[in-house]
Amino acid sequence: QERVAELSGVPPEDQVLLHAGTPLDDEAVLGQSPLPEFATLELSTRLLGGKVHGSLARAGKVRGQTPKVSAE
C-alpha cells in the first residue's frame, strides 16, 4: 500500500485494493499472494459512514422482504 500511495497520492489508511471486485486484506503482501503476476487491481477509497462490505446483511439486520400479514 505504501507503493500505491506513492503512485496515487492516496494514503494507505484510505485505500481499498480490489481484485475481481473482491477487497484484498490490508495486511496482504502482493508478492506473496496467489494473484497472477499481471493481475489488474482496482484502487478505491474508504467512504465515511455506511456499512462495511456486507456486514449488516451477514448480521441478519437487513430483511429481504416485508413480513406478510395473515388474512383473518
Protein backbone atom coordinates (compact mmCIF):
# COMPACT_ATOMS: atom_id res chain seq x y z
CA GLN A 1 0.00 0.00 0.00
CA GLU A 2 2.98 2.31 0.52
CA ARG A 3 3.95 1.98 -3.16
CA VAL A 4 0.35 2.58 -4.25
CA ALA A 5 0.31 5.70 -2.03
CA GLU A 6 3.46 6.99 -3.75
CA LEU A 7 1.92 6.48 -7.19
CA SER A 8 -1.64 7.63 -6.44
CA GLY A 9 -1.34 10.12 -3.60
CA VAL A 10 -3.98 8.19 -1.62
CA PRO A 11 -2.76 7.47 1.95
CA PRO A 12 -2.61 3.74 2.86
CA GLU A 13 -5.25 4.09 5.60
CA ASP A 14 -7.75 5.36 2.99
CA GLN A 15 -7.00 2.70 0.35
CA VAL A 16 -9.15 -0.28 -0.56
CA LEU A 17 -7.47 -2.54 -3.13
CA LEU A 18 -9.74 -4.90 -5.05
CA HIS A 19 -9.11 -7.82 -7.39
CA ALA A 20 -12.08 -9.00 -9.48
CA GLY A 21 -14.38 -6.98 -7.21
CA THR A 22 -13.12 -8.63 -4.02
CA PRO A 23 -11.40 -6.45 -1.40
CA LEU A 24 -7.87 -7.57 -0.53
CA ASP A 25 -6.71 -7.86 3.07
CA ASP A 26 -4.95 -4.67 4.24
CA GLU A 27 -2.03 -6.76 5.54
CA ALA A 28 -1.61 -8.79 2.33
CA VAL A 29 1.77 -8.69 0.58
CA LEU A 30 1.17 -8.83 -3.17
CA GLY A 31 4.43 -10.68 -3.90
CA GLN A 32 3.36 -13.45 -1.51
CA SER A 33 -0.29 -13.64 -2.62
CA PRO A 34 -1.84 -16.20 -5.00
CA LEU A 35 -2.75 -13.43 -7.50
CA PRO A 36 -1.47 -13.86 -11.07
CA GLU A 37 1.69 -11.89 -11.89
CA PHE A 38 -0.09 -9.38 -14.15
CA ALA A 39 -3.39 -9.19 -12.25
CA THR A 40 -5.36 -5.96 -12.53
CA LEU A 41 -6.05 -4.27 -9.20
CA GLU A 42 -8.60 -1.55 -8.61
CA LEU A 43 -7.95 1.24 -6.11
CA SER A 44 -10.90 2.64 -4.22
CA THR A 45 -11.07 4.82 -1.13
CA ARG A 46 -12.86 4.23 2.12
CA LEU A 47 -16.13 6.13 2.47
CA LEU A 48 -17.22 7.91 5.60
CA GLY A 49 -20.20 6.28 7.33
CA GLY A 50 -22.22 3.49 5.84
CA LYS A 51 -21.69 -0.19 6.35
CA VAL A 52 -18.61 -2.32 5.91
CA HIS A 53 -18.79 -4.63 2.86
CA GLY A 54 -21.89 -6.72 3.59
CA SER A 55 -21.61 -6.70 7.37
CA LEU A 56 -25.24 -5.78 8.05
CA ALA A 57 -26.57 -8.42 5.69
CA ARG A 58 -24.40 -11.10 7.34
CA ALA A 59 -25.53 -9.96 10.79
CA GLY A 60 -29.16 -10.58 9.78
CA LYS A 61 -30.18 -6.97 10.34
CA VAL A 62 -31.39 -6.42 6.79
CA ARG A 63 -34.55 -8.22 5.72
CA GLY A 64 -35.10 -9.16 2.11
CA GLN A 65 -38.85 -8.55 2.20
CA THR A 66 -41.65 -7.16 4.33
CA PRO A 67 -43.26 -9.73 6.68
CA LYS A 68 -46.66 -10.95 5.45
CA VAL A 69 -49.78 -10.37 7.49
CA SER A 70 -52.05 -13.40 7.77
CA ALA A 71 -55.60 -12.98 6.46
CA GLU A 72 -58.37 -13.33 9.03
